[in-house]
Amino acid sequence: MLLLELAVQYKGHNNGDLSGAWSLMQRRGFRSKGTLTKAKRELMHTGLIVETRMGKRPNKASLYALTWLALDEQPKFDITTKDYQRGLYKLYKPNTEKQMLSTPTDPNDSP
């Protein structure tokens, strides 16, 4: 859901200036800061988004870019187009061993 919320903010010239701030996402249906944080971490881990500006208290929100699009560089970003890796999600390799360990097995299945 967070990925779609970030994608909806994209207007053709603002990739990198997409906000996942709690104040905004709460109005869009998120019910927990923990869930939002987990979603951000998962999207960054899989390379679907990158953080272009790290948030700072009290009122500077983190900003994100969708990695299937080119970065629309702005001075307020912590990264440049040289640092940005478009298509980063293509490098993600799921940990299939971990997934296999967490998948319940049917005791009636034979090896």
N, C-alpha and C. Protein backbone atom coordinates (compact mmCIF):
# COMPACT_ATOMS: atom_id res chain seq x y z
N MET A 1 0.81 -1.19 0.00
CA MET A 1 0.00 0.00 0.00
C MET A 1 0.87 1.27 0.00
N LEU A 2 1.96 1.27 0.77
CA LEU A 2 2.82 2.44 0.81
C LEU A 2 3.42 2.73 -0.56
N LEU A 3 3.82 1.70 -1.27
CA LEU A 3 4.39 1.90 -2.60
C LEU A 3 3.39 2.62 -3.51
N LEU A 4 2.14 2.22 -3.45
CA LEU A 4 1.11 2.89 -4.25
C LEU A 4 0.90 4.33 -3.81
N GLU A 5 0.93 4.56 -2.51
CA GLU A 5 0.76 5.93 -2.00
C GLU A 5 1.89 6.84 -2.46
N LEU A 6 3.10 6.32 -2.50
CA LEU A 6 4.23 7.11 -3.00
C LEU A 6 4.10 7.33 -4.51
N ALA A 7 3.69 6.30 -5.23
CA ALA A 7 3.56 6.41 -6.69
C ALA A 7 2.48 7.43 -7.07
N VAL A 8 1.41 7.51 -6.30
CA VAL A 8 0.34 8.47 -6.57
C VAL A 8 0.85 9.90 -6.46
N GLN A 9 1.85 10.13 -5.62
CA GLN A 9 2.41 11.47 -5.44
C GLN A 9 3.26 11.91 -6.63
N TYR A 10 3.73 10.95 -7.44
CA TYR A 10 4.61 11.28 -8.56
C TYR A 10 3.84 12.03 -9.64
N LYS A 11 4.35 13.17 -10.05
CA LYS A 11 3.67 14.03 -11.02
C LYS A 11 4.46 14.19 -12.33
N GLY A 12 5.48 13.38 -12.54
CA GLY A 12 6.24 13.45 -13.77
C GLY A 12 7.52 14.25 -13.67
N HIS A 13 7.73 14.94 -12.56
CA HIS A 13 8.92 15.79 -12.40
C HIS A 13 9.39 15.86 -10.96
N ASN A 14 8.85 15.00 -10.08
CA ASN A 14 9.18 15.12 -8.65
C ASN A 14 9.65 13.80 -8.03
N ASN A 15 10.24 12.91 -8.83
CA ASN A 15 10.73 11.68 -8.24
C ASN A 15 11.91 11.99 -7.32
N GLY A 16 11.79 11.60 -6.09
CA GLY A 16 12.76 11.93 -5.06
C GLY A 16 12.16 12.85 -4.02
N ASP A 17 11.06 13.49 -4.37
CA ASP A 17 10.39 14.43 -3.48
C ASP A 17 9.05 13.84 -3.01
N LEU A 18 9.05 12.53 -2.78
CA LEU A 18 7.84 11.82 -2.38
C LEU A 18 7.89 11.58 -0.88
N SER A 19 6.81 11.87 -0.20
CA SER A 19 6.79 11.81 1.26
C SER A 19 6.02 10.61 1.78
N GLY A 20 6.61 9.96 2.77
CA GLY A 20 5.94 8.89 3.50
C GLY A 20 5.73 9.29 4.95
N ALA A 21 5.57 10.57 5.19
CA ALA A 21 5.43 11.09 6.55
C ALA A 21 4.17 10.54 7.22
N TRP A 22 4.29 10.26 8.51
CA TRP A 22 3.17 9.72 9.28
C TRP A 22 1.94 10.62 9.16
N SER A 23 2.10 11.94 9.25
CA SER A 23 0.95 12.85 9.19
C SER A 23 0.18 12.71 7.88
N LEU A 24 0.89 12.44 6.81
CA LEU A 24 0.25 12.25 5.50
C LEU A 24 -0.32 10.84 5.36
N MET A 25 0.45 9.85 5.74
CA MET A 25 0.02 8.46 5.56
C MET A 25 -1.11 8.07 6.51
N GLN A 26 -1.18 8.71 7.66
CA GLN A 26 -2.28 8.44 8.59
C GLN A 26 -3.61 8.83 7.93
N ARG A 27 -3.63 9.94 7.23
CA ARG A 27 -4.84 10.37 6.53
C ARG A 27 -5.17 9.46 5.36
N ARG A 28 -4.15 8.72 4.88
CA ARG A 28 -4.35 7.83 3.74
C ARG A 28 -4.66 6.39 4.17
N GLY A 29 -4.84 6.18 5.49
CA GLY A 29 -5.31 4.88 5.94
C GLY A 29 -4.36 4.08 6.81
N PHE A 30 -3.14 4.54 6.98
CA PHE A 30 -2.21 3.82 7.87
C PHE A 30 -2.67 4.02 9.31
N ARG A 31 -2.63 2.94 10.09
CA ARG A 31 -3.13 2.98 11.46
C ARG A 31 -2.04 2.91 12.51
N SER A 32 -0.80 2.66 12.10
CA SER A 32 0.28 2.47 13.07
C SER A 32 1.59 3.01 12.50
N LYS A 33 2.31 3.76 13.33
CA LYS A 33 3.64 4.24 12.93
C LYS A 33 4.58 3.06 12.70
N GLY A 34 4.42 2.01 13.50
CA GLY A 34 5.25 0.82 13.35
C GLY A 34 5.05 0.14 12.01
N THR A 35 3.80 0.05 11.58
CA THR A 35 3.50 -0.55 10.28
C THR A 35 4.10 0.28 9.15
N LEU A 36 3.99 1.59 9.28
CA LEU A 36 4.55 2.49 8.27
C LEU A 36 6.07 2.36 8.20
N THR A 37 6.71 2.33 9.35
CA THR A 37 8.17 2.18 9.40
C THR A 37 8.59 0.85 8.79
N LYS A 38 7.88 -0.21 9.11
CA LYS A 38 8.19 -1.54 8.56
C LYS A 38 8.03 -1.54 7.04
N ALA A 39 6.99 -0.90 6.54
CA ALA A 39 6.75 -0.83 5.10
C ALA A 39 7.88 -0.07 4.40
N LYS A 40 8.32 1.04 4.98
CA LYS A 40 9.42 1.82 4.40
C LYS A 40 10.69 0.98 4.34
N ARG A 41 11.00 0.30 5.45
CA ARG A 41 12.21 -0.53 5.50
C ARG A 41 12.16 -1.64 4.46
N GLU A 42 11.02 -2.27 4.33
CA GLU A 42 10.88 -3.36 3.37
C GLU A 42 11.05 -2.86 1.93
N LEU A 43 10.45 -1.73 1.61
CA LEU A 43 10.57 -1.17 0.27
C LEU A 43 12.00 -0.74 -0.04
N MET A 44 12.70 -0.21 0.96
CA MET A 44 14.10 0.16 0.75
C MET A 44 14.97 -1.08 0.65
N HIS A 45 14.69 -2.10 1.47
CA HIS A 45 15.46 -3.34 1.44
C HIS A 45 15.35 -4.03 0.07
N THR A 46 14.18 -4.00 -0.51
CA THR A 46 13.98 -4.66 -1.81
C THR A 46 14.39 -3.77 -2.97
N GLY A 47 14.76 -2.52 -2.70
CA GLY A 47 15.24 -1.63 -3.75
C GLY A 47 14.14 -0.96 -4.55
N LEU A 48 12.91 -1.01 -4.09
CA LEU A 48 11.83 -0.36 -4.81
C LEU A 48 11.81 1.15 -4.59
N ILE A 49 12.30 1.57 -3.43
CA ILE A 49 12.44 3.00 -3.15
C ILE A 49 13.80 3.26 -2.53
N VAL A 50 14.27 4.50 -2.65
CA VAL A 50 15.47 4.94 -1.94
C VAL A 50 15.14 6.24 -1.21
N GLU A 51 15.82 6.43 -0.09
CA GLU A 51 15.64 7.66 0.67
C GLU A 51 16.54 8.73 0.06
N THR A 52 15.93 9.82 -0.38
CA THR A 52 16.69 10.90 -1.01
C THR A 52 17.06 11.99 -0.01
N ARG A 53 16.30 12.07 1.07
CA ARG A 53 16.61 13.01 2.14
C ARG A 53 16.22 12.37 3.47
N MET A 54 17.18 12.34 4.38
CA MET A 54 16.90 11.79 5.70
C MET A 54 16.17 12.84 6.54
N GLY A 55 15.08 12.43 7.13
CA GLY A 55 14.31 13.33 7.97
C GLY A 55 15.04 13.71 9.24
N LYS A 56 14.72 14.88 9.74
CA LYS A 56 15.30 15.37 10.99
C LYS A 56 14.20 16.06 11.78
N ARG A 57 14.22 15.83 13.07
CA ARG A 57 13.23 16.49 13.92
C ARG A 57 13.57 17.96 14.05
N PRO A 58 12.66 18.84 14.17
CA PRO A 58 11.26 18.59 14.44
C PRO A 58 10.38 18.56 13.20
N ASN A 59 10.79 19.11 12.07
CA ASN A 59 9.84 19.24 10.97
C ASN A 59 10.46 19.04 9.59
N LYS A 60 11.39 18.12 9.46
CA LYS A 60 12.00 17.85 8.16
C LYS A 60 11.77 16.37 7.83
N ALA A 61 10.82 16.11 6.96
CA ALA A 61 10.42 14.74 6.64
C ALA A 61 11.43 14.07 5.71
N SER A 62 11.53 12.76 5.84
CA SER A 62 12.32 11.98 4.88
C SER A 62 11.60 12.02 3.54
N LEU A 63 12.38 11.97 2.47
CA LEU A 63 11.82 11.95 1.12
C LEU A 63 12.33 10.71 0.40
N TYR A 64 11.56 10.26 -0.59
CA TYR A 64 11.86 9.00 -1.27
C TYR A 64 11.72 9.14 -2.78
N ALA A 65 12.41 8.21 -3.48
CA ALA A 65 12.31 8.12 -4.93
C ALA A 65 11.92 6.69 -5.30
N LEU A 66 11.16 6.56 -6.38
CA LEU A 66 10.79 5.26 -6.93
C LEU A 66 11.90 4.84 -7.88
N THR A 67 12.51 3.69 -7.65
CA THR A 67 13.73 3.36 -8.39
C THR A 67 13.50 2.91 -9.82
N TRP A 68 12.28 2.73 -10.24
CA TRP A 68 12.06 2.39 -11.65
C TRP A 68 11.98 3.65 -12.52
N LEU A 69 12.10 4.82 -11.88
CA LEU A 69 12.09 6.10 -12.58
C LEU A 69 13.41 6.83 -12.37
N ALA A 70 13.72 7.75 -13.28
CA ALA A 70 14.90 8.60 -13.11
C ALA A 70 14.67 9.56 -11.95
N LEU A 71 15.75 9.93 -11.28
CA LEU A 71 15.68 10.87 -10.17
C LEU A 71 15.57 12.29 -10.71
N ASP A 72 14.63 13.05 -10.19
CA ASP A 72 14.50 14.47 -10.52
C ASP A 72 15.23 15.26 -9.44
N GLU A 73 16.52 15.43 -9.64
CA GLU A 73 17.42 15.96 -8.61
C GLU A 73 17.01 17.36 -8.16
N GLN A 74 17.14 17.57 -6.85
CA GLN A 74 16.87 18.86 -6.23
C GLN A 74 17.94 19.14 -5.18
N PRO A 75 18.25 20.39 -4.92
CA PRO A 75 19.29 20.73 -3.94
C PRO A 75 18.99 20.22 -2.53
N LYS A 76 17.74 20.04 -2.18
CA LYS A 76 17.40 19.60 -0.82
C LYS A 76 17.66 18.11 -0.58
N PHE A 77 18.01 17.36 -1.62
CA PHE A 77 18.26 15.93 -1.48
C PHE A 77 19.65 15.68 -0.89
N ASP A 78 19.77 14.55 -0.19
CA ASP A 78 21.06 14.11 0.35
C ASP A 78 21.85 13.29 -0.67
N ILE A 79 21.21 12.93 -1.79
CA ILE A 79 21.90 12.17 -2.84
C ILE A 79 21.83 12.94 -4.15
N THR A 80 22.71 12.57 -5.08
CA THR A 80 22.71 13.17 -6.41
C THR A 80 22.38 12.09 -7.43
N THR A 81 22.22 12.50 -8.68
CA THR A 81 21.95 11.51 -9.72
C THR A 81 23.11 10.54 -9.87
N LYS A 82 24.32 10.96 -9.52
CA LYS A 82 25.48 10.04 -9.57
C LYS A 82 25.35 8.94 -8.52
N ASP A 83 24.79 9.27 -7.36
CA ASP A 83 24.61 8.30 -6.27
C ASP A 83 23.39 7.40 -6.48
N TYR A 84 22.46 7.86 -7.27
CA TYR A 84 21.17 7.18 -7.46
C TYR A 84 21.32 6.01 -8.41
N GLN A 85 20.77 4.88 -8.04
CA GLN A 85 20.84 3.69 -8.89
C GLN A 85 19.44 3.33 -9.37
N ARG A 86 19.14 3.75 -10.59
CA ARG A 86 17.83 3.43 -11.16
C ARG A 86 17.74 1.93 -11.39
N GLY A 87 16.59 1.35 -11.09
CA GLY A 87 16.39 -0.08 -11.27
C GLY A 87 17.01 -0.93 -10.17
N LEU A 88 17.25 -0.34 -9.02
CA LEU A 88 17.89 -1.04 -7.91
C LEU A 88 17.13 -2.31 -7.52
N TYR A 89 15.83 -2.29 -7.68
CA TYR A 89 15.00 -3.45 -7.32
C TYR A 89 15.38 -4.70 -8.11
N LYS A 90 15.97 -4.53 -9.27
CA LYS A 90 16.36 -5.68 -10.10
C LYS A 90 17.48 -6.49 -9.46
N LEU A 91 18.22 -5.88 -8.55
CA LEU A 91 19.32 -6.56 -7.88
C LEU A 91 18.87 -7.34 -6.64
N TYR A 92 17.64 -7.16 -6.24
CA TYR A 92 17.15 -7.81 -5.02
C TYR A 92 17.03 -9.31 -5.23
N LYS A 93 17.59 -10.06 -4.29
CA LYS A 93 17.51 -11.52 -4.29
C LYS A 93 16.83 -11.94 -2.99
N PRO A 94 15.62 -12.46 -3.07
CA PRO A 94 14.96 -12.88 -1.83
C PRO A 94 15.72 -14.01 -1.16
N ASN A 95 15.67 -14.04 0.14
CA ASN A 95 16.32 -15.09 0.91
C ASN A 95 15.39 -16.30 0.92
N THR A 96 15.51 -17.15 -0.09
CA THR A 96 14.59 -18.27 -0.24
C THR A 96 14.75 -19.28 0.88
N GLU A 97 15.96 -19.42 1.43
CA GLU A 97 16.16 -20.36 2.53
C GLU A 97 15.35 -19.93 3.75
N LYS A 98 15.36 -18.65 4.04
CA LYS A 98 14.59 -18.14 5.17
C LYS A 98 13.10 -18.35 4.92
N GLN A 99 12.66 -18.11 3.67
CA GLN A 99 11.26 -18.30 3.34
C GLN A 99 10.86 -19.76 3.48
N MET A 100 11.74 -20.67 3.07
CA MET A 100 11.45 -22.09 3.16
C MET A 100 11.34 -22.52 4.62
N LEU A 101 12.16 -21.98 5.50
CA LEU A 101 12.12 -22.34 6.91
C LEU A 101 10.83 -21.86 7.58
N SER A 102 10.28 -20.76 7.11
CA SER A 102 9.08 -20.22 7.73
C SER A 102 7.80 -20.75 7.10
N THR A 103 7.92 -21.53 6.01
CA THR A 103 6.75 -22.08 5.35
C THR A 103 6.37 -23.40 6.01
N PRO A 104 5.12 -23.51 6.49
CA PRO A 104 4.72 -24.77 7.11
C PRO A 104 4.72 -25.90 6.09
N THR A 105 5.09 -27.07 6.52
CA THR A 105 5.10 -28.23 5.64
C THR A 105 3.98 -29.17 6.01
N ASP A 106 3.49 -29.88 5.04
CA ASP A 106 2.42 -30.85 5.25
C ASP A 106 3.06 -32.17 5.68
N PRO A 107 2.73 -32.69 6.85
CA PRO A 107 3.35 -33.94 7.31
C PRO A 107 3.00 -35.13 6.42
N ASN A 108 1.97 -35.00 5.58
CA ASN A 108 1.58 -36.10 4.69
C ASN A 108 2.39 -36.12 3.40
N ASP A 109 3.16 -35.05 3.15
CA ASP A 109 4.01 -35.01 1.96
C ASP A 109 5.21 -35.91 2.16
N SER A 110 5.54 -36.67 1.15
CA SER A 110 6.74 -37.50 1.25
C SER A 110 7.91 -36.77 0.62
N PRO A 111 9.14 -36.99 1.12
CA PRO A 111 10.31 -36.26 0.61
C PRO A 111 10.66 -36.62 -0.80
